[in-house]
């Protein structure tokens, strides 16, 4: 990786590039629903990851983590612990699906990967907007 570019664009390169051609870039994403979808509550959510393993909370192996859904709140800053409240849903068992009871209206779901101690990982996040009827 070009050292000059990595200094200028560190977050972009963490998500989109790898140090070796054989090493895939890590990313998290919503399998469903799709961004902009109109859905009914409860909302079935399916989450995915590439280039990083899914492991239960308390697992401290390299290149692993577990999902957190952040509902209608900003992403948690990388290196900070993800709170445990009604807007920050933890999937500490390593689960990749959820059923969310959301009130009618517009919502933003943010997907964020964290390590075994629930510390938000740099760049491993995704966002979708939904309308619940």
C-alpha atoms as a PDB file:
ATOM      1  CA  UNK A   1       0.000   0.000   0.000  1.00  0.00           C
ATOM      2  CA  UNK A   2       1.283   3.469  -0.816  1.00  0.00           C
ATOM      3  CA  UNK A   3       2.354   4.949   2.553  1.00  0.00           C
ATOM      4  CA  UNK A   4       1.606   8.534   1.453  1.00  0.00           C
ATOM      5  CA  UNK A   5      -1.982   7.678   0.482  1.00  0.00           C
ATOM      6  CA  UNK A   6      -2.524   5.658   3.652  1.00  0.00           C
ATOM      7  CA  UNK A   7      -1.632   8.730   5.732  1.00  0.00           C
ATOM      8  CA  UNK A   8      -4.067  10.919   3.779  1.00  0.00           C
ATOM      9  CA  UNK A   9      -6.944   8.439   3.671  1.00  0.00           C
ATOM     10  CA  UNK A  10      -6.548   5.976   6.595  1.00  0.00           C
ATOM     11  CA  UNK A  11     -10.241   5.051   6.999  1.00  0.00           C
ATOM     12  CA  UNK A  12     -10.746   4.500   3.266  1.00  0.00           C
ATOM     13  CA  UNK A  13      -7.793   2.138   3.119  1.00  0.00           C
ATOM     14  CA  UNK A  14      -8.794   0.192   6.240  1.00  0.00           C
ATOM     15  CA  UNK A  15     -12.121  -0.663   4.628  1.00  0.00           C
ATOM     16  CA  UNK A  16     -11.278  -0.857   0.937  1.00  0.00           C
ATOM     17  CA  UNK A  17      -7.695  -2.113   0.756  1.00  0.00           C
ATOM     18  CA  UNK A  18      -5.508  -4.795   2.179  1.00  0.00           C
ATOM     19  CA  UNK A  19      -1.744  -5.026   2.578  1.00  0.00           C
ATOM     20  CA  UNK A  20      -1.453  -8.108   0.388  1.00  0.00           C
ATOM     21  CA  UNK A  21      -3.326  -8.992  -2.783  1.00  0.00           C
ATOM     22  CA  UNK A  22      -4.399 -12.343  -1.264  1.00  0.00           C
ATOM     23  CA  UNK A  23      -5.949 -10.758   1.840  1.00  0.00           C
ATOM     24  CA  UNK A  24      -9.580  -9.644   1.285  1.00  0.00           C
ATOM     25  CA  UNK A  25     -10.734  -6.271   2.608  1.00  0.00           C
ATOM     26  CA  UNK A  26     -12.972  -6.543   5.670  1.00  0.00           C
ATOM     27  CA  UNK A  27     -16.492  -5.168   5.569  1.00  0.00           C
ATOM     28  CA  UNK A  28     -19.891  -5.528   7.224  1.00  0.00           C
ATOM     29  CA  UNK A  29     -23.220  -5.148   5.461  1.00  0.00           C
ATOM     30  CA  UNK A  30     -26.974  -5.603   5.684  1.00  0.00           C
ATOM     31  CA  UNK A  31     -28.135  -8.642   3.710  1.00  0.00           C
ATOM     32  CA  UNK A  32     -31.707  -7.518   4.342  1.00  0.00           C
ATOM     33  CA  UNK A  33     -33.620  -5.312   4.375  1.00  0.00           C
ATOM     34  CA  UNK A  34     -32.198  -3.226   1.581  1.00  0.00           C
ATOM     35  CA  UNK A  35     -31.484   0.484   1.928  1.00  0.00           C
ATOM     36  CA  UNK A  36     -34.623   2.524   1.254  1.00  0.00           C
ATOM     37  CA  UNK A  37     -37.015  -0.390   1.856  1.00  0.00           C
ATOM     38  CA  UNK A  38     -40.546   0.039   3.166  1.00  0.00           C
ATOM     39  CA  UNK A  39     -41.230  -2.695   5.716  1.00  0.00           C
ATOM     40  CA  UNK A  40     -43.676  -3.873   8.364  1.00  0.00           C
ATOM     41  CA  UNK A  41     -42.812  -4.300  12.031  1.00  0.00           C
ATOM     42  CA  UNK A  42     -41.370  -6.543  13.306  1.00  0.00           C
ATOM     43  CA  UNK A  43     -38.490  -5.965  10.881  1.00  0.00           C
ATOM     44  CA  UNK A  44     -36.423  -9.018   9.956  1.00  0.00           C
ATOM     45  CA  UNK A  45     -32.747  -8.023   9.770  1.00  0.00           C
ATOM     46  CA  UNK A  46     -29.930 -10.150   8.385  1.00  0.00           C
ATOM     47  CA  UNK A  47     -26.306  -9.021   8.767  1.00  0.00           C
ATOM     48  CA  UNK A  48     -23.163 -10.190   6.995  1.00  0.00           C
ATOM     49  CA  UNK A  49     -19.409  -9.787   7.108  1.00  0.00           C
ATOM     50  CA  UNK A  50     -16.501 -10.491   4.788  1.00  0.00           C
ATOM     51  CA  UNK A  51     -12.846 -10.641   5.733  1.00  0.00           C
ATOM     52  CA  UNK A  52     -13.560 -10.872   9.460  1.00  0.00           C
ATOM     53  CA  UNK A  53     -14.838 -13.767  11.542  1.00  0.00           C
ATOM     54  CA  UNK A  54     -17.962 -13.632  13.699  1.00  0.00           C
ATOM     55  CA  UNK A  55     -17.304 -14.729  17.278  1.00  0.00           C
ATOM     56  CA  UNK A  56     -19.158 -14.376  20.596  1.00  0.00           C
ATOM     57  CA  UNK A  57     -18.385 -11.506  22.976  1.00  0.00           C
ATOM     58  CA  UNK A  58     -15.415 -12.383  25.149  1.00  0.00           C
ATOM     59  CA  UNK A  59     -13.532 -13.907  22.206  1.00  0.00           C
ATOM     60  CA  UNK A  60     -10.202 -12.174  21.689  1.00  0.00           C
ATOM     61  CA  UNK A  61      -8.897 -13.825  18.539  1.00  0.00           C
ATOM     62  CA  UNK A  62      -7.341 -11.740  15.776  1.00  0.00           C
ATOM     63  CA  UNK A  63      -9.691 -10.621  13.004  1.00  0.00           C
ATOM     64  CA  UNK A  64     -12.926 -11.533  14.818  1.00  0.00           C
ATOM     65  CA  UNK A  65     -15.799  -9.569  16.306  1.00  0.00           C
ATOM     66  CA  UNK A  66     -19.549  -9.488  16.777  1.00  0.00           C
ATOM     67  CA  UNK A  67     -22.366  -7.275  15.505  1.00  0.00           C
ATOM     68  CA  UNK A  68     -24.174  -4.337  17.096  1.00  0.00           C
ATOM     69  CA  UNK A  69     -27.213  -2.566  15.665  1.00  0.00           C
ATOM     70  CA  UNK A  70     -27.490   1.137  16.404  1.00  0.00           C
ATOM     71  CA  UNK A  71     -31.054   2.379  15.930  1.00  0.00           C
ATOM     72  CA  UNK A  72     -31.615   6.047  15.049  1.00  0.00           C
ATOM     73  CA  UNK A  73     -28.353   7.078  16.773  1.00  0.00           C
ATOM     74  CA  UNK A  74     -24.869   7.893  15.437  1.00  0.00           C
ATOM     75  CA  UNK A  75     -22.157   5.263  15.127  1.00  0.00           C
ATOM     76  CA  UNK A  76     -20.100   4.636  18.238  1.00  0.00           C
ATOM     77  CA  UNK A  77     -16.592   6.070  17.892  1.00  0.00           C
ATOM     78  CA  UNK A  78     -13.971   3.438  17.072  1.00  0.00           C
ATOM     79  CA  UNK A  79     -12.190   2.320  20.242  1.00  0.00           C
ATOM     80  CA  UNK A  80     -15.177   3.187  22.467  1.00  0.00           C
ATOM     81  CA  UNK A  81     -17.380   0.620  24.165  1.00  0.00           C
ATOM     82  CA  UNK A  82     -20.790   0.186  22.507  1.00  0.00           C
ATOM     83  CA  UNK A  83     -23.458   1.054  25.119  1.00  0.00           C
ATOM     84  CA  UNK A  84     -26.077  -1.509  26.108  1.00  0.00           C
ATOM     85  CA  UNK A  85     -29.467   0.198  25.825  1.00  0.00           C
ATOM     86  CA  UNK A  86     -32.588   0.178  23.654  1.00  0.00           C
ATOM     87  CA  UNK A  87     -30.800   2.026  20.807  1.00  0.00           C
ATOM     88  CA  UNK A  88     -27.690  -0.211  20.830  1.00  0.00           C
ATOM     89  CA  UNK A  89     -28.550  -3.868  20.296  1.00  0.00           C
ATOM     90  CA  UNK A  90     -25.725  -6.339  21.047  1.00  0.00           C
ATOM     91  CA  UNK A  91     -25.320  -9.667  19.276  1.00  0.00           C
ATOM     92  CA  UNK A  92     -22.775 -11.040  21.720  1.00  0.00           C
ATOM     93  CA  UNK A  93     -23.702 -14.644  20.954  1.00  0.00           C
ATOM     94  CA  UNK A  94     -22.435 -14.197  17.402  1.00  0.00           C
ATOM     95  CA  UNK A  95     -25.963 -13.996  15.956  1.00  0.00           C
ATOM     96  CA  UNK A  96     -26.396 -12.606  12.437  1.00  0.00           C
ATOM     97  CA  UNK A  97     -30.189 -12.145  12.376  1.00  0.00           C
ATOM     98  CA  UNK A  98     -32.693 -10.151  14.396  1.00  0.00           C
ATOM     99  CA  UNK A  99     -36.361  -9.250  14.600  1.00  0.00           C
ATOM    100  CA  UNK A 100     -36.868  -5.593  15.559  1.00  0.00           C
ATOM    101  CA  UNK A 101     -40.080  -4.006  16.791  1.00  0.00           C
ATOM    102  CA  UNK A 102     -39.914  -0.513  15.327  1.00  0.00           C
ATOM    103  CA  UNK A 103     -42.675   2.114  15.412  1.00  0.00           C
ATOM    104  CA  UNK A 104     -44.069   3.467  12.132  1.00  0.00           C
ATOM    105  CA  UNK A 105     -41.941   6.120  10.463  1.00  0.00           C
ATOM    106  CA  UNK A 106     -38.449   6.709   9.111  1.00  0.00           C
ATOM    107  CA  UNK A 107     -35.536   4.913  10.774  1.00  0.00           C
ATOM    108  CA  UNK A 108     -31.796   4.641  10.293  1.00  0.00           C
ATOM    109  CA  UNK A 109     -30.196   1.314  11.182  1.00  0.00           C
ATOM    110  CA  UNK A 110     -26.449   1.311  11.647  1.00  0.00           C
ATOM    111  CA  UNK A 111     -24.474  -1.918  11.769  1.00  0.00           C
ATOM    112  CA  UNK A 112     -21.219  -1.834  13.686  1.00  0.00           C
ATOM    113  CA  UNK A 113     -18.658  -4.530  14.439  1.00  0.00           C
ATOM    114  CA  UNK A 114     -16.944  -4.621  17.829  1.00  0.00           C
ATOM    115  CA  UNK A 115     -14.285  -6.803  19.415  1.00  0.00           C
ATOM    116  CA  UNK A 116     -14.688  -9.275  22.273  1.00  0.00           C
ATOM    117  CA  UNK A 117     -14.898  -6.430  24.811  1.00  0.00           C
ATOM    118  CA  UNK A 118     -17.590  -4.545  22.811  1.00  0.00           C
ATOM    119  CA  UNK A 119     -15.039  -1.949  21.626  1.00  0.00           C
ATOM    120  CA  UNK A 120     -16.158  -0.527  18.264  1.00  0.00           C
ATOM    121  CA  UNK A 121     -13.772  -1.458  15.457  1.00  0.00           C
ATOM    122  CA  UNK A 122     -12.484   1.101  12.966  1.00  0.00           C
ATOM    123  CA  UNK A 123     -14.309   1.243   9.633  1.00  0.00           C
ATOM    124  CA  UNK A 124     -16.449  -1.881  10.054  1.00  0.00           C
ATOM    125  CA  UNK A 125     -19.865  -0.278   9.762  1.00  0.00           C
ATOM    126  CA  UNK A 126     -22.810   0.018   7.401  1.00  0.00           C
ATOM    127  CA  UNK A 127     -26.018   2.065   7.334  1.00  0.00           C
ATOM    128  CA  UNK A 128     -29.495   1.752   5.829  1.00  0.00           C
ATOM    129  CA  UNK A 129     -32.627   3.883   5.925  1.00  0.00           C
ATOM    130  CA  UNK A 130     -36.050   2.280   6.293  1.00  0.00           C
ATOM    131  CA  UNK A 131     -39.666   3.305   6.351  1.00  0.00           C
ATOM    132  CA  UNK A 132     -41.834   1.265   8.706  1.00  0.00           C
ATOM    133  CA  UNK A 133     -45.539   1.300   7.794  1.00  0.00           C
END
